[in-house]
Amino acid sequence: MRSQYENFTMHENESSDDMVTKFTKITNGLASLGDGIDNDQKVRKIIHALPPSWEVKATTLKELNDKEKMELIGLIGNLKTHEMERKAREEMAPLKKKAIAFKSSSTYSDEDDEEEDDEDLSSCEEDSENVQQSKILK
């Protein structure tokens, strides 16, 4: 039992509820064998057992626990809240990545397009002629 406690870790895809259940079974087993573990040791062990993806949270909890002694039930509540927030962010992430596609539709034919090009070209030619005439008149 003691080796299970010493090697205890939370797996990356494990829920905080499953981790707490596993941890409680180990600590209750140790207690029944006369090897009780105090609250501070339990809190430190759970914080240390958090997976790498929880590193920021683990650091925050370590600092908080150093300032004031945290109760195990408070730690468990804190972990559950963090887990729910992570899941909510993960569910929102795909929504942010959705792309918007625009459907184009043609409101005029190629003939209309050619007519507009001809009009633009004519307008440019007229402007050019006007500029040349103004230079001659000066």
N, C-alpha and C. Protein backbone atom coordinates (compact mmCIF):
# COMPACT_ATOMS: atom_id res chain seq x y z
N MET A 1 0.82 -1.20 0.00
CA MET A 1 0.00 0.00 0.00
C MET A 1 0.87 1.27 0.00
N ARG A 2 1.93 1.21 0.79
CA ARG A 2 2.79 2.41 0.90
C ARG A 2 3.43 2.74 -0.45
N SER A 3 3.80 1.73 -1.22
CA SER A 3 4.41 1.98 -2.54
C SER A 3 3.38 2.60 -3.50
N GLN A 4 2.10 2.20 -3.38
CA GLN A 4 1.06 2.81 -4.21
C GLN A 4 0.95 4.30 -3.88
N TYR A 5 1.04 4.62 -2.61
CA TYR A 5 0.97 6.03 -2.19
C TYR A 5 2.18 6.79 -2.73
N GLU A 6 3.34 6.23 -2.58
CA GLU A 6 4.57 6.91 -3.01
C GLU A 6 4.59 7.12 -4.53
N ASN A 7 4.05 6.18 -5.29
CA ASN A 7 4.07 6.25 -6.76
C ASN A 7 2.79 6.85 -7.35
N PHE A 8 1.94 7.37 -6.50
CA PHE A 8 0.65 7.88 -6.95
C PHE A 8 0.81 9.08 -7.90
N THR A 9 0.12 9.01 -9.04
CA THR A 9 0.07 10.14 -9.99
C THR A 9 -1.31 10.19 -10.62
N MET A 10 -1.65 11.35 -11.10
CA MET A 10 -2.88 11.53 -11.87
C MET A 10 -2.50 11.43 -13.34
N HIS A 11 -3.21 10.60 -14.07
CA HIS A 11 -2.91 10.44 -15.50
C HIS A 11 -3.51 11.59 -16.29
N GLU A 12 -2.93 11.85 -17.43
CA GLU A 12 -3.30 13.00 -18.27
C GLU A 12 -4.79 13.00 -18.62
N ASN A 13 -5.36 11.85 -18.93
CA ASN A 13 -6.76 11.80 -19.35
C ASN A 13 -7.70 11.39 -18.21
N GLU A 14 -7.20 11.36 -17.00
CA GLU A 14 -7.98 10.95 -15.84
C GLU A 14 -8.74 12.15 -15.26
N SER A 15 -9.97 11.94 -14.86
CA SER A 15 -10.75 13.03 -14.27
C SER A 15 -10.30 13.23 -12.82
N SER A 16 -10.56 14.42 -12.30
CA SER A 16 -10.18 14.69 -10.91
C SER A 16 -10.99 13.80 -9.96
N ASP A 17 -12.23 13.49 -10.30
CA ASP A 17 -13.04 12.59 -9.47
C ASP A 17 -12.41 11.20 -9.38
N ASP A 18 -11.97 10.67 -10.54
CA ASP A 18 -11.34 9.35 -10.56
C ASP A 18 -10.03 9.36 -9.78
N MET A 19 -9.28 10.43 -9.93
CA MET A 19 -8.01 10.54 -9.21
C MET A 19 -8.25 10.59 -7.70
N VAL A 20 -9.23 11.35 -7.26
CA VAL A 20 -9.51 11.47 -5.83
C VAL A 20 -10.01 10.14 -5.27
N THR A 21 -10.84 9.45 -6.03
CA THR A 21 -11.33 8.13 -5.59
C THR A 21 -10.17 7.16 -5.40
N LYS A 22 -9.26 7.13 -6.38
CA LYS A 22 -8.09 6.25 -6.30
C LYS A 22 -7.22 6.62 -5.10
N PHE A 23 -7.01 7.92 -4.90
CA PHE A 23 -6.18 8.40 -3.80
C PHE A 23 -6.81 8.06 -2.44
N THR A 24 -8.12 8.24 -2.35
CA THR A 24 -8.83 7.96 -1.10
C THR A 24 -8.74 6.48 -0.73
N LYS A 25 -8.87 5.61 -1.73
CA LYS A 25 -8.74 4.17 -1.46
C LYS A 25 -7.36 3.84 -0.91
N ILE A 26 -6.34 4.46 -1.48
CA ILE A 26 -4.97 4.20 -1.02
C ILE A 26 -4.78 4.71 0.40
N THR A 27 -5.19 5.94 0.66
CA THR A 27 -4.98 6.52 2.00
C THR A 27 -5.85 5.84 3.06
N ASN A 28 -7.05 5.42 2.69
CA ASN A 28 -7.88 4.68 3.65
C ASN A 28 -7.27 3.32 3.96
N GLY A 29 -6.70 2.69 2.94
CA GLY A 29 -6.02 1.40 3.15
C GLY A 29 -4.84 1.55 4.08
N LEU A 30 -4.09 2.61 3.89
CA LEU A 30 -2.94 2.86 4.77
C LEU A 30 -3.40 3.13 6.20
N ALA A 31 -4.48 3.89 6.32
CA ALA A 31 -5.01 4.21 7.65
C ALA A 31 -5.47 2.94 8.37
N SER A 32 -6.08 2.03 7.63
CA SER A 32 -6.56 0.79 8.25
C SER A 32 -5.39 -0.10 8.70
N LEU A 33 -4.24 0.10 8.09
CA LEU A 33 -3.04 -0.64 8.49
C LEU A 33 -2.24 0.09 9.58
N GLY A 34 -2.77 1.21 10.04
CA GLY A 34 -2.11 1.97 11.10
C GLY A 34 -1.09 2.97 10.59
N ASP A 35 -1.07 3.20 9.29
CA ASP A 35 -0.11 4.15 8.69
C ASP A 35 -0.88 5.38 8.22
N GLY A 36 -1.33 6.17 9.17
CA GLY A 36 -2.13 7.35 8.85
C GLY A 36 -1.30 8.46 8.22
N ILE A 37 -1.94 9.22 7.37
CA ILE A 37 -1.27 10.33 6.67
C ILE A 37 -2.05 11.59 7.03
N ASP A 38 -1.34 12.63 7.47
CA ASP A 38 -2.05 13.84 7.87
C ASP A 38 -2.50 14.66 6.65
N ASN A 39 -3.37 15.62 6.92
CA ASN A 39 -3.98 16.43 5.86
C ASN A 39 -2.94 17.12 4.99
N ASP A 40 -1.94 17.73 5.60
CA ASP A 40 -0.92 18.46 4.84
C ASP A 40 -0.17 17.54 3.89
N GLN A 41 0.15 16.33 4.33
CA GLN A 41 0.85 15.37 3.47
C GLN A 41 -0.04 14.97 2.29
N LYS A 42 -1.32 14.78 2.54
CA LYS A 42 -2.26 14.41 1.47
C LYS A 42 -2.36 15.52 0.43
N VAL A 43 -2.50 16.75 0.91
CA VAL A 43 -2.60 17.91 0.00
C VAL A 43 -1.35 18.02 -0.86
N ARG A 44 -0.19 17.95 -0.23
CA ARG A 44 1.07 18.05 -0.97
C ARG A 44 1.22 16.91 -1.99
N LYS A 45 0.80 15.72 -1.61
CA LYS A 45 0.92 14.57 -2.50
C LYS A 45 0.03 14.74 -3.72
N ILE A 46 -1.21 15.18 -3.52
CA ILE A 46 -2.13 15.37 -4.66
C ILE A 46 -1.60 16.45 -5.59
N ILE A 47 -1.14 17.56 -5.04
CA ILE A 47 -0.60 18.64 -5.87
C ILE A 47 0.60 18.13 -6.67
N HIS A 48 1.45 17.38 -6.03
CA HIS A 48 2.64 16.84 -6.70
C HIS A 48 2.27 15.80 -7.77
N ALA A 49 1.13 15.14 -7.60
CA ALA A 49 0.71 14.07 -8.51
C ALA A 49 0.01 14.58 -9.77
N LEU A 50 -0.27 15.88 -9.85
CA LEU A 50 -0.97 16.42 -11.02
C LEU A 50 -0.13 16.27 -12.28
N PRO A 51 -0.78 15.99 -13.42
CA PRO A 51 -0.03 15.78 -14.67
C PRO A 51 0.57 17.09 -15.21
N PRO A 52 1.48 17.00 -16.19
CA PRO A 52 2.13 18.19 -16.75
C PRO A 52 1.16 19.24 -17.30
N SER A 53 0.04 18.82 -17.83
CA SER A 53 -0.91 19.80 -18.38
C SER A 53 -1.53 20.66 -17.29
N TRP A 54 -1.39 20.27 -16.04
CA TRP A 54 -1.91 21.02 -14.90
C TRP A 54 -0.80 21.80 -14.20
N GLU A 55 0.33 21.97 -14.84
CA GLU A 55 1.51 22.56 -14.19
C GLU A 55 1.24 23.95 -13.61
N VAL A 56 0.57 24.79 -14.37
CA VAL A 56 0.30 26.15 -13.89
C VAL A 56 -0.59 26.10 -12.64
N LYS A 57 -1.60 25.26 -12.69
CA LYS A 57 -2.50 25.13 -11.54
C LYS A 57 -1.74 24.56 -10.34
N ALA A 58 -0.89 23.57 -10.58
CA ALA A 58 -0.11 22.96 -9.49
C ALA A 58 0.79 24.00 -8.83
N THR A 59 1.42 24.83 -9.62
CA THR A 59 2.29 25.88 -9.07
C THR A 59 1.48 26.85 -8.22
N THR A 60 0.33 27.25 -8.70
CA THR A 60 -0.55 28.15 -7.95
C THR A 60 -0.97 27.52 -6.63
N LEU A 61 -1.35 26.25 -6.69
CA LEU A 61 -1.78 25.55 -5.47
C LEU A 61 -0.63 25.40 -4.47
N LYS A 62 0.58 25.14 -4.96
CA LYS A 62 1.74 25.03 -4.06
C LYS A 62 1.97 26.35 -3.33
N GLU A 63 1.91 27.45 -4.08
CA GLU A 63 2.12 28.76 -3.47
C GLU A 63 1.02 29.07 -2.46
N LEU A 64 -0.21 28.74 -2.80
CA LEU A 64 -1.33 28.97 -1.89
C LEU A 64 -1.19 28.12 -0.64
N ASN A 65 -0.80 26.88 -0.80
CA ASN A 65 -0.65 25.97 0.33
C ASN A 65 0.50 26.40 1.24
N ASP A 66 1.54 27.01 0.66
CA ASP A 66 2.66 27.50 1.47
C ASP A 66 2.23 28.68 2.35
N LYS A 67 1.31 29.50 1.82
CA LYS A 67 0.86 30.68 2.57
C LYS A 67 -0.11 30.31 3.69
N GLU A 68 -1.02 29.43 3.38
CA GLU A 68 -2.01 29.01 4.36
C GLU A 68 -2.30 27.53 4.16
N LYS A 69 -2.45 26.83 5.23
CA LYS A 69 -2.68 25.39 5.13
C LYS A 69 -4.05 25.12 4.52
N MET A 70 -4.05 24.37 3.46
CA MET A 70 -5.26 24.07 2.71
C MET A 70 -5.86 22.76 3.21
N GLU A 71 -7.16 22.74 3.32
CA GLU A 71 -7.85 21.51 3.67
C GLU A 71 -8.00 20.65 2.41
N LEU A 72 -7.99 19.34 2.58
CA LEU A 72 -8.10 18.41 1.46
C LEU A 72 -9.39 18.64 0.68
N ILE A 73 -10.48 18.87 1.37
CA ILE A 73 -11.78 19.07 0.69
C ILE A 73 -11.75 20.36 -0.14
N GLY A 74 -11.07 21.38 0.34
CA GLY A 74 -10.92 22.62 -0.42
C GLY A 74 -10.09 22.41 -1.68
N LEU A 75 -9.04 21.62 -1.55
CA LEU A 75 -8.19 21.30 -2.70
C LEU A 75 -8.99 20.54 -3.75
N ILE A 76 -9.76 19.56 -3.32
CA ILE A 76 -10.57 18.76 -4.25
C ILE A 76 -11.57 19.65 -4.98
N GLY A 77 -12.23 20.53 -4.26
CA GLY A 77 -13.16 21.47 -4.89
C GLY A 77 -12.47 22.37 -5.90
N ASN A 78 -11.29 22.83 -5.54
CA ASN A 78 -10.49 23.68 -6.43
C ASN A 78 -10.12 22.94 -7.71
N LEU A 79 -9.73 21.67 -7.58
CA LEU A 79 -9.36 20.87 -8.75
C LEU A 79 -10.57 20.62 -9.66
N LYS A 80 -11.71 20.34 -9.06
CA LYS A 80 -12.93 20.10 -9.85
C LYS A 80 -13.33 21.36 -10.61
N THR A 81 -13.25 22.50 -9.96
CA THR A 81 -13.57 23.77 -10.62
C THR A 81 -12.63 24.01 -11.79
N HIS A 82 -11.35 23.80 -11.57
CA HIS A 82 -10.36 23.99 -12.63
C HIS A 82 -10.63 23.06 -13.81
N GLU A 83 -10.97 21.81 -13.49
CA GLU A 83 -11.25 20.83 -14.54
C GLU A 83 -12.47 21.25 -15.36
N MET A 84 -13.51 21.75 -14.72
CA MET A 84 -14.71 22.20 -15.44
C MET A 84 -14.38 23.39 -16.33
N GLU A 85 -13.56 24.31 -15.85
CA GLU A 85 -13.17 25.47 -16.65
C GLU A 85 -12.34 25.05 -17.86
N ARG A 86 -11.45 24.09 -17.67
CA ARG A 86 -10.64 23.57 -18.80
C ARG A 86 -11.53 22.95 -19.86
N LYS A 87 -12.49 22.16 -19.43
CA LYS A 87 -13.39 21.50 -20.38
C LYS A 87 -14.22 22.53 -21.14
N ALA A 88 -14.67 23.56 -20.45
CA ALA A 88 -15.44 24.61 -21.10
C ALA A 88 -14.59 25.32 -22.16
N ARG A 89 -13.32 25.61 -21.83
CA ARG A 89 -12.43 26.25 -22.80
C ARG A 89 -12.18 25.34 -24.00
N GLU A 90 -12.01 24.06 -23.75
CA GLU A 90 -11.77 23.11 -24.84
C GLU A 90 -12.99 23.00 -25.75
N GLU A 91 -14.19 23.07 -25.17
CA GLU A 91 -15.40 23.00 -25.97
C GLU A 91 -15.59 24.27 -26.79
N MET A 92 -15.13 25.40 -26.28
CA MET A 92 -15.26 26.67 -26.99
C MET A 92 -14.21 26.82 -28.08
N ALA A 93 -13.08 26.17 -27.93
CA ALA A 93 -11.98 26.30 -28.89
C ALA A 93 -12.39 25.92 -30.31
N PRO A 94 -13.09 24.81 -30.54
CA PRO A 94 -13.48 24.48 -31.92
C PRO A 94 -14.43 25.52 -32.52
N LEU A 95 -15.24 26.14 -31.69
CA LEU A 95 -16.17 27.16 -32.20
C LEU A 95 -15.41 28.37 -32.73
N LYS A 96 -14.31 28.71 -32.10
CA LYS A 96 -13.51 29.85 -32.54
C LYS A 96 -12.77 29.56 -33.84
N LYS A 97 -12.51 28.29 -34.12
CA LYS A 97 -11.74 27.92 -35.29
C LYS A 97 -12.58 27.76 -36.54
N LYS A 98 -13.90 27.87 -36.41
CA LYS A 98 -14.74 27.70 -37.59
C LYS A 98 -14.48 28.81 -38.58
N ALA A 99 -14.39 28.43 -39.84
CA ALA A 99 -14.15 29.40 -40.90
C ALA A 99 -15.48 29.82 -41.50
N ILE A 100 -15.52 31.01 -41.99
CA ILE A 100 -16.71 31.52 -42.65
C ILE A 100 -16.45 31.52 -44.14
N ALA A 101 -17.35 30.91 -44.87
CA ALA A 101 -17.23 30.88 -46.32
C ALA A 101 -18.31 31.75 -46.92
N PHE A 102 -17.94 32.48 -47.93
CA PHE A 102 -18.89 33.33 -48.61
C PHE A 102 -19.24 32.71 -49.95
N LYS A 103 -20.50 32.78 -50.28
CA LYS A 103 -20.95 32.25 -51.56
C LYS A 103 -21.04 33.43 -52.52
N SER A 104 -20.45 33.26 -53.67
CA SER A 104 -20.51 34.35 -54.64
C SER A 104 -21.55 34.01 -55.69
N SER A 105 -22.18 35.05 -56.15
CA SER A 105 -23.14 34.85 -57.24
C SER A 105 -22.96 35.98 -58.22
N SER A 106 -23.12 35.65 -59.46
CA SER A 106 -22.93 36.63 -60.51
C SER A 106 -24.26 37.31 -60.79
N THR A 107 -24.25 38.64 -60.78
CA THR A 107 -25.49 39.38 -61.05
C THR A 107 -25.51 39.92 -62.47
N TYR A 108 -24.42 39.72 -63.16
CA TYR A 108 -24.39 40.16 -64.55
C TYR A 108 -23.59 39.16 -65.38
N SER A 109 -23.75 39.20 -66.64
CA SER A 109 -23.10 38.22 -67.51
C SER A 109 -21.72 38.71 -67.94
N ASP A 110 -21.01 37.86 -68.65
CA ASP A 110 -19.69 38.22 -69.17
C ASP A 110 -19.79 39.39 -70.15
N GLU A 111 -20.91 39.46 -70.86
CA GLU A 111 -21.11 40.56 -71.82
C GLU A 111 -21.14 41.89 -71.08
N ASP A 112 -21.84 41.90 -69.90
CA ASP A 112 -21.90 43.12 -69.10
C ASP A 112 -20.50 43.51 -68.64
N ASP A 113 -19.71 42.50 -68.27
CA ASP A 113 -18.36 42.73 -67.81
C ASP A 113 -17.50 43.33 -68.93
N GLU A 114 -17.65 42.80 -70.16
CA GLU A 114 -16.91 43.32 -71.31
C GLU A 114 -17.32 44.76 -71.60
N GLU A 115 -18.63 45.06 -71.48
CA GLU A 115 -19.10 46.43 -71.72
C GLU A 115 -18.48 47.38 -70.70
N GLU A 116 -18.41 46.96 -69.43
CA GLU A 116 -17.81 47.82 -68.41
C GLU A 116 -16.34 48.04 -68.70
N ASP A 117 -15.62 46.99 -69.13
CA ASP A 117 -14.21 47.13 -69.48
C ASP A 117 -14.05 48.12 -70.63
N ASP A 118 -14.92 48.03 -71.64
CA ASP A 118 -14.87 48.95 -72.77
C ASP A 118 -15.10 50.39 -72.31
N GLU A 119 -16.09 50.57 -71.40
CA GLU A 119 -16.38 51.91 -70.89
C GLU A 119 -15.19 52.47 -70.11
N ASP A 120 -14.55 51.63 -69.30
CA ASP A 120 -13.39 52.06 -68.54
C ASP A 120 -12.25 52.45 -69.47
N LEU A 121 -12.03 51.66 -70.52
CA LEU A 121 -10.98 51.95 -71.48
C LEU A 121 -11.27 53.25 -72.21
N SER A 122 -12.51 53.46 -72.62
CA SER A 122 -12.90 54.70 -73.30
C SER A 122 -12.66 55.90 -72.41
N SER A 123 -13.02 55.76 -71.13
CA SER A 123 -12.85 56.86 -70.18
C SER A 123 -11.37 57.20 -70.03
N CYS A 124 -10.53 56.18 -69.98
CA CYS A 124 -9.08 56.41 -69.86
C CYS A 124 -8.54 57.11 -71.11
N GLU A 125 -8.99 56.68 -72.27
CA GLU A 125 -8.54 57.29 -73.52
C GLU A 125 -8.94 58.76 -73.57
N GLU A 126 -10.17 59.06 -73.14
CA GLU A 126 -10.64 60.46 -73.14
C GLU A 126 -9.80 61.30 -72.19
N ASP A 127 -9.51 60.76 -71.01
CA ASP A 127 -8.70 61.49 -70.04
C ASP A 127 -7.31 61.77 -70.61
N SER A 128 -6.76 60.79 -71.28
CA SER A 128 -5.44 60.94 -71.88
C SER A 128 -5.45 62.03 -72.96
N GLU A 129 -6.49 62.02 -73.80
CA GLU A 129 -6.60 63.04 -74.85
C GLU A 129 -6.75 64.42 -74.24
N ASN A 130 -7.53 64.54 -73.17
CA ASN A 130 -7.73 65.84 -72.49
C ASN A 130 -6.42 66.38 -71.92
N VAL A 131 -5.62 65.49 -71.35
CA VAL A 131 -4.34 65.91 -70.79
C VAL A 131 -3.42 66.38 -71.90
N GLN A 132 -3.38 65.67 -73.02
CA GLN A 132 -2.52 66.05 -74.15
C GLN A 132 -2.96 67.39 -74.72
N GLN A 133 -4.27 67.62 -74.87
CA GLN A 133 -4.77 68.89 -75.40
C GLN A 133 -4.45 70.04 -74.48
N SER A 134 -4.54 69.82 -73.17
CA SER A 134 -4.24 70.89 -72.23
C SER A 134 -2.77 71.28 -72.29
N LYS A 135 -1.88 70.30 -72.56
CA LYS A 135 -0.46 70.59 -72.70
C LYS A 135 -0.19 71.40 -73.96
N ILE A 136 -0.91 71.08 -75.02
CA ILE A 136 -0.74 71.79 -76.29
C ILE A 136 -1.20 73.23 -76.13
N LEU A 137 -2.29 73.46 -75.43
CA LEU A 137 -2.86 74.80 -75.28
C LEU A 137 -1.98 75.69 -74.40
N LYS A 138 -1.19 75.13 -73.56
CA LYS A 138 -0.34 75.93 -72.68
C LYS A 138 0.78 76.43 -73.43
